[in-house]
């Protein structure tokens, strides 16, 4: 009897050790965009890669569509530990720190190559700032170039005057002010309803958001002004990251690097595909007129100057690094 009890004790101990070895850490990762959006699809692949590479030790549950936290709440949730990781639109936090809004400045970086160059100039100071706030950067992915959606034809900035303009960041609010439109703050998850109820008449966003929110059901014109390529950043709470063992940290960072490479490539593809979708749904997709382009360039020049005044030496150094 004693011998049997001894073996049972050994078996129980072995099971306990085995369970400890395979203890699973669970993280929540809130995101603001629909599950079908390419950013969210990339996040889901990233989470699956992390679970597989960590041998199941880290399981990340992605919560798309602002289901867990609304877009403006996600950064604070990660910083405070309410969520271990999250995806944010950096330009939305420009009022907190000007450098967050660098990739939301009109006509500063208007192509994928320029956007990558800007990211390289921005990344070191971005990582430093997040570290000061108890967080770390996992990866970024740009949205496709931003264009202007309108219910009516737009041949110059004067045609935007007085229109209800959807704003989702300090930069988009400022554009509205400079062209004489009325800025209305509407997050991506609420855009369809805002259009249906007449809250929004004009909007500057990507082809991807245009398809996600079915803007073609309410707006008939899209002008491919390619104003900027704002980036989403996936951030992590530093304490949560530090609590992982080294192999799991390495698995997470490798999956993040892969997600960044995959996301940038996918953004290029999505840009082409979504503009084709907008056309197929009856939307008039066109290049901006010479006058509209010139008007928006002036807006961009004004905003870059204003940004530099607020960003100070740090912003000047970053801009110089980008323009080299």
C-alpha atoms as a PDB file:
ATOM      1  CA  UNK A   1       0.000   0.000   0.000  1.00  0.00           C
ATOM      2  CA  UNK A   2       2.837   2.345   0.941  1.00  0.00           C
ATOM      3  CA  UNK A   3       4.639   1.490  -2.314  1.00  0.00           C
ATOM      4  CA  UNK A   4       1.491   2.316  -4.331  1.00  0.00           C
ATOM      5  CA  UNK A   5       1.067   5.606  -2.474  1.00  0.00           C
ATOM      6  CA  UNK A   6       4.710   6.459  -3.160  1.00  0.00           C
ATOM      7  CA  UNK A   7       4.239   5.879  -6.896  1.00  0.00           C
ATOM      8  CA  UNK A   8       1.050   7.924  -6.894  1.00  0.00           C
ATOM      9  CA  UNK A   9       2.921  10.777  -5.159  1.00  0.00           C
ATOM     10  CA  UNK A  10       5.675  10.597  -7.778  1.00  0.00           C
ATOM     11  CA  UNK A  11       3.096  10.639 -10.568  1.00  0.00           C
ATOM     12  CA  UNK A  12       1.357  13.652  -9.051  1.00  0.00           C
ATOM     13  CA  UNK A  13       4.668  15.463  -8.700  1.00  0.00           C
ATOM     14  CA  UNK A  14       5.565  14.708 -12.305  1.00  0.00           C
ATOM     15  CA  UNK A  15       2.175  15.966 -13.449  1.00  0.00           C
ATOM     16  CA  UNK A  16       2.641  19.181 -11.456  1.00  0.00           C
ATOM     17  CA  UNK A  17       6.064  19.759 -13.009  1.00  0.00           C
ATOM     18  CA  UNK A  18       4.630  19.028 -16.465  1.00  0.00           C
ATOM     19  CA  UNK A  19       1.741  21.447 -15.916  1.00  0.00           C
ATOM     20  CA  UNK A  20       4.143  24.133 -14.713  1.00  0.00           C
ATOM     21  CA  UNK A  21       6.311  23.618 -17.774  1.00  0.00           C
ATOM     22  CA  UNK A  22       3.327  24.188 -20.047  1.00  0.00           C
ATOM     23  CA  UNK A  23       1.668  26.968 -18.053  1.00  0.00           C
ATOM     24  CA  UNK A  24       0.079  29.341 -20.527  1.00  0.00           C
ATOM     25  CA  UNK A  25       0.236  33.110 -20.274  1.00  0.00           C
ATOM     26  CA  UNK A  26      -2.817  34.826 -21.771  1.00  0.00           C
ATOM     27  CA  UNK A  27      -2.772  38.328 -23.216  1.00  0.00           C
ATOM     28  CA  UNK A  28      -5.491  40.595 -24.596  1.00  0.00           C
ATOM     29  CA  UNK A  29      -4.763  42.775 -27.634  1.00  0.00           C
ATOM     30  CA  UNK A  30      -7.476  45.359 -28.398  1.00  0.00           C
ATOM     31  CA  UNK A  31      -7.689  46.869 -31.907  1.00  0.00           C
ATOM     32  CA  UNK A  32     -10.006  49.476 -33.411  1.00  0.00           C
ATOM     33  CA  UNK A  33     -10.666  48.103 -36.897  1.00  0.00           C
ATOM     34  CA  UNK A  34     -12.978  45.384 -38.278  1.00  0.00           C
ATOM     35  CA  UNK A  35     -11.848  41.751 -38.179  1.00  0.00           C
ATOM     36  CA  UNK A  36     -11.741  41.743 -41.986  1.00  0.00           C
ATOM     37  CA  UNK A  37      -9.412  44.763 -42.213  1.00  0.00           C
ATOM     38  CA  UNK A  38      -5.893  43.864 -43.339  1.00  0.00           C
ATOM     39  CA  UNK A  39      -4.388  45.207 -40.086  1.00  0.00           C
ATOM     40  CA  UNK A  40      -6.678  42.937 -38.055  1.00  0.00           C
ATOM     41  CA  UNK A  41      -5.988  39.924 -40.283  1.00  0.00           C
ATOM     42  CA  UNK A  42      -2.269  40.572 -39.806  1.00  0.00           C
ATOM     43  CA  UNK A  43      -2.782  40.769 -36.037  1.00  0.00           C
ATOM     44  CA  UNK A  44      -4.579  37.408 -36.054  1.00  0.00           C
ATOM     45  CA  UNK A  45      -1.681  35.822 -37.972  1.00  0.00           C
ATOM     46  CA  UNK A  46       0.790  37.446 -35.566  1.00  0.00           C
ATOM     47  CA  UNK A  47      -1.070  36.001 -32.553  1.00  0.00           C
ATOM     48  CA  UNK A  48      -1.153  32.536 -34.129  1.00  0.00           C
ATOM     49  CA  UNK A  49       2.578  32.754 -34.911  1.00  0.00           C
ATOM     50  CA  UNK A  50       3.367  33.722 -31.307  1.00  0.00           C
ATOM     51  CA  UNK A  51       1.372  30.819 -29.870  1.00  0.00           C
ATOM     52  CA  UNK A  52       3.018  28.348 -32.230  1.00  0.00           C
ATOM     53  CA  UNK A  53       6.578  29.670 -31.827  1.00  0.00           C
ATOM     54  CA  UNK A  54       6.266  29.817 -28.020  1.00  0.00           C
ATOM     55  CA  UNK A  55       5.027  26.224 -27.872  1.00  0.00           C
ATOM     56  CA  UNK A  56       1.688  27.444 -26.530  1.00  0.00           C
ATOM     57  CA  UNK A  57       3.253  29.346 -23.631  1.00  0.00           C
ATOM     58  CA  UNK A  58       1.851  32.692 -24.796  1.00  0.00           C
ATOM     59  CA  UNK A  59      -1.675  33.007 -26.156  1.00  0.00           C
ATOM     60  CA  UNK A  60      -2.738  36.422 -27.470  1.00  0.00           C
ATOM     61  CA  UNK A  61      -6.447  37.077 -27.991  1.00  0.00           C
ATOM     62  CA  UNK A  62      -7.069  39.842 -30.529  1.00  0.00           C
ATOM     63  CA  UNK A  63     -10.196  41.957 -29.962  1.00  0.00           C
ATOM     64  CA  UNK A  64     -10.915  43.802 -33.263  1.00  0.00           C
ATOM     65  CA  UNK A  65     -13.618  46.355 -34.006  1.00  0.00           C
ATOM     66  CA  UNK A  66     -13.119  48.359 -30.776  1.00  0.00           C
ATOM     67  CA  UNK A  67     -14.830  45.474 -28.957  1.00  0.00           C
ATOM     68  CA  UNK A  68     -12.656  45.661 -25.827  1.00  0.00           C
ATOM     69  CA  UNK A  69     -11.617  49.339 -25.811  1.00  0.00           C
ATOM     70  CA  UNK A  70     -12.529  52.212 -28.122  1.00  0.00           C
ATOM     71  CA  UNK A  71      -9.713  53.530 -30.327  1.00  0.00           C
ATOM     72  CA  UNK A  72      -8.767  56.524 -28.109  1.00  0.00           C
ATOM     73  CA  UNK A  73      -8.657  54.273 -25.003  1.00  0.00           C
ATOM     74  CA  UNK A  74      -6.278  51.577 -26.261  1.00  0.00           C
ATOM     75  CA  UNK A  75      -2.940  53.259 -25.542  1.00  0.00           C
ATOM     76  CA  UNK A  76      -3.962  54.114 -21.984  1.00  0.00           C
ATOM     77  CA  UNK A  77      -5.212  50.550 -21.459  1.00  0.00           C
ATOM     78  CA  UNK A  78      -1.839  49.106 -22.473  1.00  0.00           C
ATOM     79  CA  UNK A  79       0.093  51.691 -20.473  1.00  0.00           C
ATOM     80  CA  UNK A  80      -1.985  50.932 -17.366  1.00  0.00           C
ATOM     81  CA  UNK A  81      -1.843  47.159 -17.773  1.00  0.00           C
ATOM     82  CA  UNK A  82      -5.560  46.684 -18.471  1.00  0.00           C
ATOM     83  CA  UNK A  83      -4.450  45.081 -21.723  1.00  0.00           C
ATOM     84  CA  UNK A  84      -1.009  43.572 -22.236  1.00  0.00           C
ATOM     85  CA  UNK A  85      -0.721  44.757 -25.847  1.00  0.00           C
ATOM     86  CA  UNK A  86      -2.712  46.841 -28.304  1.00  0.00           C
ATOM     87  CA  UNK A  87      -2.827  48.412 -31.745  1.00  0.00           C
ATOM     88  CA  UNK A  88      -3.006  52.203 -32.024  1.00  0.00           C
ATOM     89  CA  UNK A  89      -3.092  54.777 -34.812  1.00  0.00           C
ATOM     90  CA  UNK A  90      -0.077  56.875 -33.858  1.00  0.00           C
ATOM     91  CA  UNK A  91      -1.295  60.098 -35.494  1.00  0.00           C
ATOM     92  CA  UNK A  92      -4.307  60.106 -33.168  1.00  0.00           C
ATOM     93  CA  UNK A  93      -1.957  60.849 -30.228  1.00  0.00           C
ATOM     94  CA  UNK A  94      -0.233  63.896 -31.709  1.00  0.00           C
ATOM     95  CA  UNK A  95      -1.639  66.234 -29.047  1.00  0.00           C
ATOM     96  CA  UNK A  96       0.088  64.114 -26.394  1.00  0.00           C
ATOM     97  CA  UNK A  97       3.476  64.158 -28.167  1.00  0.00           C
ATOM     98  CA  UNK A  98       4.099  65.778 -31.537  1.00  0.00           C
ATOM     99  CA  UNK A  99       6.320  62.955 -32.784  1.00  0.00           C
ATOM    100  CA  UNK A 100       3.341  60.554 -32.753  1.00  0.00           C
ATOM    101  CA  UNK A 101       1.826  62.702 -35.502  1.00  0.00           C
ATOM    102  CA  UNK A 102       4.820  62.909 -37.848  1.00  0.00           C
ATOM    103  CA  UNK A 103       3.359  60.408 -40.312  1.00  0.00           C
ATOM    104  CA  UNK A 104       0.040  62.273 -40.335  1.00  0.00           C
ATOM    105  CA  UNK A 105       1.497  65.454 -41.813  1.00  0.00           C
ATOM    106  CA  UNK A 106       0.054  66.053 -45.295  1.00  0.00           C
ATOM    107  CA  UNK A 107       2.437  65.667 -48.229  1.00  0.00           C
ATOM    108  CA  UNK A 108       5.528  65.021 -46.089  1.00  0.00           C
ATOM    109  CA  UNK A 109       5.827  61.308 -46.920  1.00  0.00           C
ATOM    110  CA  UNK A 110       3.457  60.367 -49.737  1.00  0.00           C
ATOM    111  CA  UNK A 111       4.808  57.022 -50.961  1.00  0.00           C
ATOM    112  CA  UNK A 112       5.628  53.695 -49.339  1.00  0.00           C
ATOM    113  CA  UNK A 113       9.353  54.298 -49.831  1.00  0.00           C
ATOM    114  CA  UNK A 114       9.147  57.732 -48.194  1.00  0.00           C
ATOM    115  CA  UNK A 115       6.939  56.332 -45.433  1.00  0.00           C
ATOM    116  CA  UNK A 116       9.561  53.684 -44.633  1.00  0.00           C
ATOM    117  CA  UNK A 117      12.272  56.334 -44.628  1.00  0.00           C
ATOM    118  CA  UNK A 118      10.210  58.460 -42.224  1.00  0.00           C
ATOM    119  CA  UNK A 119       9.651  55.428 -39.986  1.00  0.00           C
ATOM    120  CA  UNK A 120      13.408  54.815 -39.755  1.00  0.00           C
ATOM    121  CA  UNK A 121      13.916  58.432 -38.662  1.00  0.00           C
ATOM    122  CA  UNK A 122      10.990  58.261 -36.234  1.00  0.00           C
ATOM    123  CA  UNK A 123      11.606  54.804 -34.710  1.00  0.00           C
ATOM    124  CA  UNK A 124      14.492  55.504 -32.239  1.00  0.00           C
ATOM    125  CA  UNK A 125      12.728  58.441 -30.578  1.00  0.00           C
ATOM    126  CA  UNK A 126       9.417  56.569 -30.664  1.00  0.00           C
ATOM    127  CA  UNK A 127      10.954  53.590 -28.850  1.00  0.00           C
ATOM    128  CA  UNK A 128      12.514  55.936 -26.268  1.00  0.00           C
ATOM    129  CA  UNK A 129       9.203  57.691 -25.601  1.00  0.00           C
ATOM    130  CA  UNK A 130       7.260  54.437 -25.232  1.00  0.00           C
ATOM    131  CA  UNK A 131       9.924  53.091 -22.846  1.00  0.00           C
ATOM    132  CA  UNK A 132       9.490  56.215 -20.681  1.00  0.00           C
ATOM    133  CA  UNK A 133       5.763  55.412 -20.588  1.00  0.00           C
ATOM    134  CA  UNK A 134       6.300  51.771 -19.565  1.00  0.00           C
ATOM    135  CA  UNK A 135       5.734  50.302 -23.011  1.00  0.00           C
ATOM    136  CA  UNK A 136       7.646  48.941 -25.989  1.00  0.00           C
ATOM    137  CA  UNK A 137       7.091  48.934 -29.742  1.00  0.00           C
ATOM    138  CA  UNK A 138       6.496  45.563 -31.375  1.00  0.00           C
ATOM    139  CA  UNK A 139       5.894  46.651 -34.973  1.00  0.00           C
ATOM    140  CA  UNK A 140       4.209  49.165 -37.276  1.00  0.00           C
ATOM    141  CA  UNK A 141       2.248  48.880 -40.520  1.00  0.00           C
ATOM    142  CA  UNK A 142       1.156  51.839 -42.674  1.00  0.00           C
ATOM    143  CA  UNK A 143      -2.294  52.460 -44.023  1.00  0.00           C
ATOM    144  CA  UNK A 144      -2.501  52.984 -47.791  1.00  0.00           C
ATOM    145  CA  UNK A 145      -2.145  56.613 -48.969  1.00  0.00           C
ATOM    146  CA  UNK A 146      -4.988  58.887 -47.865  1.00  0.00           C
ATOM    147  CA  UNK A 147      -7.449  60.359 -50.341  1.00  0.00           C
ATOM    148  CA  UNK A 148     -10.525  62.596 -50.204  1.00  0.00           C
ATOM    149  CA  UNK A 149     -14.045  61.136 -50.251  1.00  0.00           C
ATOM    150  CA  UNK A 150     -16.962  63.410 -51.004  1.00  0.00           C
ATOM    151  CA  UNK A 151     -20.641  63.283 -51.802  1.00  0.00           C
ATOM    152  CA  UNK A 152     -20.128  66.075 -54.371  1.00  0.00           C
ATOM    153  CA  UNK A 153     -17.364  66.779 -56.920  1.00  0.00           C
ATOM    154  CA  UNK A 154     -14.293  68.522 -55.480  1.00  0.00           C
ATOM    155  CA  UNK A 155     -12.170  70.534 -57.913  1.00  0.00           C
ATOM    156  CA  UNK A 156     -10.459  72.795 -55.382  1.00  0.00           C
ATOM    157  CA  UNK A 157     -10.198  73.277 -51.626  1.00  0.00           C
ATOM    158  CA  UNK A 158     -12.977  75.886 -51.927  1.00  0.00           C
ATOM    159  CA  UNK A 159     -15.409  73.046 -52.723  1.00  0.00           C
ATOM    160  CA  UNK A 160     -14.755  71.594 -49.252  1.00  0.00           C
ATOM    161  CA  UNK A 161     -15.740  74.800 -47.459  1.00  0.00           C
ATOM    162  CA  UNK A 162     -18.622  74.351 -45.029  1.00  0.00           C
ATOM    163  CA  UNK A 163     -18.812  70.577 -45.454  1.00  0.00           C
ATOM    164  CA  UNK A 164     -19.041  68.238 -42.454  1.00  0.00           C
ATOM    165  CA  UNK A 165     -15.553  66.725 -42.452  1.00  0.00           C
ATOM    166  CA  UNK A 166     -14.803  63.529 -40.547  1.00  0.00           C
ATOM    167  CA  UNK A 167     -11.781  63.994 -38.274  1.00  0.00           C
ATOM    168  CA  UNK A 168      -9.992  61.138 -36.512  1.00  0.00           C
ATOM    169  CA  UNK A 169      -6.766  62.875 -35.430  1.00  0.00           C
ATOM    170  CA  UNK A 170      -5.459  66.375 -34.641  1.00  0.00           C
ATOM    171  CA  UNK A 171      -4.054  66.586 -38.182  1.00  0.00           C
ATOM    172  CA  UNK A 172      -7.358  65.774 -39.891  1.00  0.00           C
ATOM    173  CA  UNK A 173      -9.102  68.346 -37.675  1.00  0.00           C
ATOM    174  CA  UNK A 174      -6.540  70.966 -38.645  1.00  0.00           C
ATOM    175  CA  UNK A 175      -6.970  70.212 -42.370  1.00  0.00           C
ATOM    176  CA  UNK A 176     -10.700  70.855 -41.956  1.00  0.00           C
ATOM    177  CA  UNK A 177      -9.996  74.218 -40.322  1.00  0.00           C
ATOM    178  CA  UNK A 178      -7.551  75.252 -43.061  1.00  0.00           C
ATOM    179  CA  UNK A 179      -9.977  74.460 -45.900  1.00  0.00           C
ATOM    180  CA  UNK A 180     -12.981  75.928 -44.079  1.00  0.00           C
ATOM    181  CA  UNK A 181     -14.767  72.625 -43.396  1.00  0.00           C
ATOM    182  CA  UNK A 182     -16.488  71.651 -40.133  1.00  0.00           C
ATOM    183  CA  UNK A 183     -14.452  68.942 -38.312  1.00  0.00           C
ATOM    184  CA  UNK A 184     -16.566  66.173 -36.767  1.00  0.00           C
ATOM    185  CA  UNK A 185     -14.736  63.581 -34.652  1.00  0.00           C
ATOM    186  CA  UNK A 186     -15.804  60.102 -35.761  1.00  0.00           C
ATOM    187  CA  UNK A 187     -13.859  56.881 -35.132  1.00  0.00           C
ATOM    188  CA  UNK A 188     -13.620  54.176 -37.813  1.00  0.00           C
ATOM    189  CA  UNK A 189     -16.078  51.875 -36.019  1.00  0.00           C
ATOM    190  CA  UNK A 190     -18.753  54.627 -36.135  1.00  0.00           C
ATOM    191  CA  UNK A 191     -18.143  55.934 -39.655  1.00  0.00           C
ATOM    192  CA  UNK A 192     -20.872  54.016 -41.492  1.00  0.00           C
ATOM    193  CA  UNK A 193     -23.539  55.255 -39.086  1.00  0.00           C
ATOM    194  CA  UNK A 194     -22.220  58.830 -39.259  1.00  0.00           C
ATOM    195  CA  UNK A 195     -22.547  58.767 -43.045  1.00  0.00           C
ATOM    196  CA  UNK A 196     -26.011  57.236 -42.967  1.00  0.00           C
ATOM    197  CA  UNK A 197     -27.262  59.935 -40.598  1.00  0.00           C
ATOM    198  CA  UNK A 198     -25.652  62.854 -42.453  1.00  0.00           C
ATOM    199  CA  UNK A 199     -23.134  63.627 -39.691  1.00  0.00           C
ATOM    200  CA  UNK A 200     -20.295  63.359 -42.242  1.00  0.00           C
ATOM    201  CA  UNK A 201     -20.220  64.681 -45.841  1.00  0.00           C
ATOM    202  CA  UNK A 202     -16.491  64.649 -46.635  1.00  0.00           C
ATOM    203  CA  UNK A 203     -13.733  62.443 -45.365  1.00  0.00           C
ATOM    204  CA  UNK A 204     -10.027  61.888 -45.856  1.00  0.00           C
ATOM    205  CA  UNK A 205      -8.937  58.279 -45.417  1.00  0.00           C
ATOM    206  CA  UNK A 206      -7.546  55.295 -47.304  1.00  0.00           C
ATOM    207  CA  UNK A 207      -9.139  53.019 -49.866  1.00  0.00           C
ATOM    208  CA  UNK A 208      -9.007  50.275 -47.226  1.00  0.00           C
ATOM    209  CA  UNK A 209     -11.236  52.196 -44.806  1.00  0.00           C
ATOM    210  CA  UNK A 210     -13.440  53.168 -47.745  1.00  0.00           C
ATOM    211  CA  UNK A 211     -14.128  49.502 -48.436  1.00  0.00           C
ATOM    212  CA  UNK A 212     -14.372  48.510 -44.741  1.00  0.00           C
ATOM    213  CA  UNK A 213     -16.969  51.211 -44.070  1.00  0.00           C
ATOM    214  CA  UNK A 214     -18.702  50.857 -47.468  1.00  0.00           C
ATOM    215  CA  UNK A 215     -18.239  54.553 -48.190  1.00  0.00           C
ATOM    216  CA  UNK A 216     -19.402  53.888 -51.758  1.00  0.00           C
ATOM    217  CA  UNK A 217     -22.947  53.498 -50.383  1.00  0.00           C
ATOM    218  CA  UNK A 218     -22.975  57.165 -49.340  1.00  0.00           C
ATOM    219  CA  UNK A 219     -20.204  58.946 -51.251  1.00  0.00           C
ATOM    220  CA  UNK A 220     -19.706  58.988 -55.004  1.00  0.00           C
ATOM    221  CA  UNK A 221     -16.291  60.639 -55.399  1.00  0.00           C
ATOM    222  CA  UNK A 222     -12.779  59.613 -54.333  1.00  0.00           C
ATOM    223  CA  UNK A 223      -9.750  61.768 -55.125  1.00  0.00           C
ATOM    224  CA  UNK A 224      -6.445  59.924 -54.868  1.00  0.00           C
ATOM    225  CA  UNK A 225      -4.410  62.819 -53.449  1.00  0.00           C
ATOM    226  CA  UNK A 226      -1.990  60.447 -51.646  1.00  0.00           C
ATOM    227  CA  UNK A 227      -1.647  62.882 -48.778  1.00  0.00           C
ATOM    228  CA  UNK A 228       0.147  60.672 -46.233  1.00  0.00           C
ATOM    229  CA  UNK A 229       0.466  57.083 -44.991  1.00  0.00           C
ATOM    230  CA  UNK A 230      -0.365  57.018 -41.264  1.00  0.00           C
ATOM    231  CA  UNK A 231       0.962  54.024 -39.355  1.00  0.00           C
ATOM    232  CA  UNK A 232      -0.661  51.701 -36.879  1.00  0.00           C
ATOM    233  CA  UNK A 233       1.704  50.663 -34.084  1.00  0.00           C
ATOM    234  CA  UNK A 234       1.395  47.473 -32.063  1.00  0.00           C
ATOM    235  CA  UNK A 235       2.630  48.214 -28.554  1.00  0.00           C
ATOM    236  CA  UNK A 236       3.190  46.075 -25.472  1.00  0.00           C
ATOM    237  CA  UNK A 237       3.170  46.746 -21.737  1.00  0.00           C
ATOM    238  CA  UNK A 238       6.811  46.504 -20.616  1.00  0.00           C
ATOM    239  CA  UNK A 239       6.027  44.712 -17.328  1.00  0.00           C
ATOM    240  CA  UNK A 240       3.993  42.089 -19.189  1.00  0.00           C
ATOM    241  CA  UNK A 241       6.847  41.623 -21.676  1.00  0.00           C
ATOM    242  CA  UNK A 242       9.491  41.407 -18.926  1.00  0.00           C
ATOM    243  CA  UNK A 243       7.434  38.737 -17.133  1.00  0.00           C
ATOM    244  CA  UNK A 244       7.890  36.352 -20.090  1.00  0.00           C
ATOM    245  CA  UNK A 245      10.815  33.964 -20.176  1.00  0.00           C
ATOM    246  CA  UNK A 246      13.579  34.653 -22.711  1.00  0.00           C
ATOM    247  CA  UNK A 247      12.510  32.043 -25.308  1.00  0.00           C
ATOM    248  CA  UNK A 248       8.946  33.414 -25.271  1.00  0.00           C
ATOM    249  CA  UNK A 249      10.201  37.003 -25.599  1.00  0.00           C
ATOM    250  CA  UNK A 250      12.305  35.926 -28.584  1.00  0.00           C
ATOM    251  CA  UNK A 251       9.303  34.163 -30.155  1.00  0.00           C
ATOM    252  CA  UNK A 252       7.194  37.302 -29.691  1.00  0.00           C
ATOM    253  CA  UNK A 253       9.811  39.605 -31.227  1.00  0.00           C
ATOM    254  CA  UNK A 254      10.400  37.285 -34.188  1.00  0.00           C
ATOM    255  CA  UNK A 255       6.645  37.086 -34.870  1.00  0.00           C
ATOM    256  CA  UNK A 256       6.452  40.899 -34.610  1.00  0.00           C
ATOM    257  CA  UNK A 257       9.276  41.360 -37.148  1.00  0.00           C
ATOM    258  CA  UNK A 258       7.502  38.968 -39.520  1.00  0.00           C
ATOM    259  CA  UNK A 259       4.194  40.817 -39.002  1.00  0.00           C
ATOM    260  CA  UNK A 260       5.850  44.130 -39.864  1.00  0.00           C
ATOM    261  CA  UNK A 261       7.360  42.788 -43.109  1.00  0.00           C
ATOM    262  CA  UNK A 262       4.095  41.067 -44.053  1.00  0.00           C
ATOM    263  CA  UNK A 263       1.967  44.099 -43.133  1.00  0.00           C
ATOM    264  CA  UNK A 264       3.934  46.589 -45.220  1.00  0.00           C
ATOM    265  CA  UNK A 265       3.725  44.288 -48.253  1.00  0.00           C
ATOM    266  CA  UNK A 266       0.011  43.699 -47.677  1.00  0.00           C
ATOM    267  CA  UNK A 267      -0.676  47.444 -47.396  1.00  0.00           C
ATOM    268  CA  UNK A 268       0.693  47.975 -50.919  1.00  0.00           C
ATOM    269  CA  UNK A 269      -1.521  45.191 -52.261  1.00  0.00           C
ATOM    270  CA  UNK A 270      -4.569  46.436 -50.353  1.00  0.00           C
ATOM    271  CA  UNK A 271      -4.108  49.913 -51.808  1.00  0.00           C
ATOM    272  CA  UNK A 272      -4.386  48.570 -55.363  1.00  0.00           C
ATOM    273  CA  UNK A 273      -7.192  46.123 -54.558  1.00  0.00           C
ATOM    274  CA  UNK A 274      -9.392  48.529 -52.589  1.00  0.00           C
ATOM    275  CA  UNK A 275      -9.259  51.295 -55.192  1.00  0.00           C
ATOM    276  CA  UNK A 276     -10.382  48.705 -57.751  1.00  0.00           C
ATOM    277  CA  UNK A 277     -13.217  47.690 -55.401  1.00  0.00           C
ATOM    278  CA  UNK A 278     -14.357  51.309 -54.994  1.00  0.00           C
ATOM    279  CA  UNK A 279     -14.535  51.635 -58.794  1.00  0.00           C
ATOM    280  CA  UNK A 280     -16.443  48.366 -59.139  1.00  0.00           C
ATOM    281  CA  UNK A 281     -19.005  49.644 -56.597  1.00  0.00           C
ATOM    282  CA  UNK A 282     -19.706  52.717 -58.726  1.00  0.00           C
ATOM    283  CA  UNK A 283     -17.483  55.263 -57.060  1.00  0.00           C
ATOM    284  CA  UNK A 284     -15.689  57.760 -59.323  1.00  0.00           C
ATOM    285  CA  UNK A 285     -11.991  57.304 -58.497  1.00  0.00           C
ATOM    286  CA  UNK A 286      -9.824  60.067 -59.943  1.00  0.00           C
ATOM    287  CA  UNK A 287      -6.539  61.896 -59.537  1.00  0.00           C
ATOM    288  CA  UNK A 288      -6.950  65.362 -57.988  1.00  0.00           C
ATOM    289  CA  UNK A 289      -7.211  68.374 -60.277  1.00  0.00           C
ATOM    290  CA  UNK A 290      -4.116  70.569 -60.499  1.00  0.00           C
ATOM    291  CA  UNK A 291      -5.919  73.190 -58.392  1.00  0.00           C
ATOM    292  CA  UNK A 292      -6.948  70.740 -55.660  1.00  0.00           C
ATOM    293  CA  UNK A 293      -3.438  69.309 -55.529  1.00  0.00           C
ATOM    294  CA  UNK A 294      -1.908  72.792 -55.259  1.00  0.00           C
ATOM    295  CA  UNK A 295      -4.416  73.801 -52.566  1.00  0.00           C
ATOM    296  CA  UNK A 296      -3.694  70.689 -50.497  1.00  0.00           C
ATOM    297  CA  UNK A 297       0.064  71.161 -50.909  1.00  0.00           C
ATOM    298  CA  UNK A 298      -0.316  74.606 -49.321  1.00  0.00           C
ATOM    299  CA  UNK A 299      -2.261  73.044 -46.451  1.00  0.00           C
ATOM    300  CA  UNK A 300       0.566  70.548 -45.999  1.00  0.00           C
ATOM    301  CA  UNK A 301       3.255  73.252 -45.967  1.00  0.00           C
ATOM    302  CA  UNK A 302       1.341  75.200 -43.316  1.00  0.00           C
ATOM    303  CA  UNK A 303       0.883  72.119 -41.145  1.00  0.00           C
ATOM    304  CA  UNK A 304       4.511  70.999 -41.343  1.00  0.00           C
ATOM    305  CA  UNK A 305       5.599  74.492 -40.251  1.00  0.00           C
ATOM    306  CA  UNK A 306       3.098  74.472 -37.359  1.00  0.00           C
ATOM    307  CA  UNK A 307       4.246  70.994 -36.362  1.00  0.00           C
ATOM    308  CA  UNK A 308       7.903  72.040 -36.324  1.00  0.00           C
ATOM    309  CA  UNK A 309       7.071  75.012 -34.085  1.00  0.00           C
ATOM    310  CA  UNK A 310       5.485  72.634 -31.557  1.00  0.00           C
ATOM    311  CA  UNK A 311       7.912  69.714 -31.947  1.00  0.00           C
ATOM    312  CA  UNK A 312      10.996  71.854 -31.336  1.00  0.00           C
ATOM    313  CA  UNK A 313      14.598  70.582 -31.739  1.00  0.00           C
ATOM    314  CA  UNK A 314      13.516  66.937 -31.500  1.00  0.00           C
ATOM    315  CA  UNK A 315      11.128  67.333 -34.426  1.00  0.00           C
ATOM    316  CA  UNK A 316      13.669  69.339 -36.435  1.00  0.00           C
ATOM    317  CA  UNK A 317      16.316  66.621 -35.968  1.00  0.00           C
ATOM    318  CA  UNK A 318      13.876  63.902 -36.999  1.00  0.00           C
ATOM    319  CA  UNK A 319      12.765  65.834 -40.083  1.00  0.00           C
ATOM    320  CA  UNK A 320      16.385  66.446 -41.095  1.00  0.00           C
ATOM    321  CA  UNK A 321      17.150  62.726 -40.704  1.00  0.00           C
ATOM    322  CA  UNK A 322      14.170  61.930 -42.944  1.00  0.00           C
ATOM    323  CA  UNK A 323      15.126  64.475 -45.596  1.00  0.00           C
ATOM    324  CA  UNK A 324      18.770  63.361 -45.908  1.00  0.00           C
END
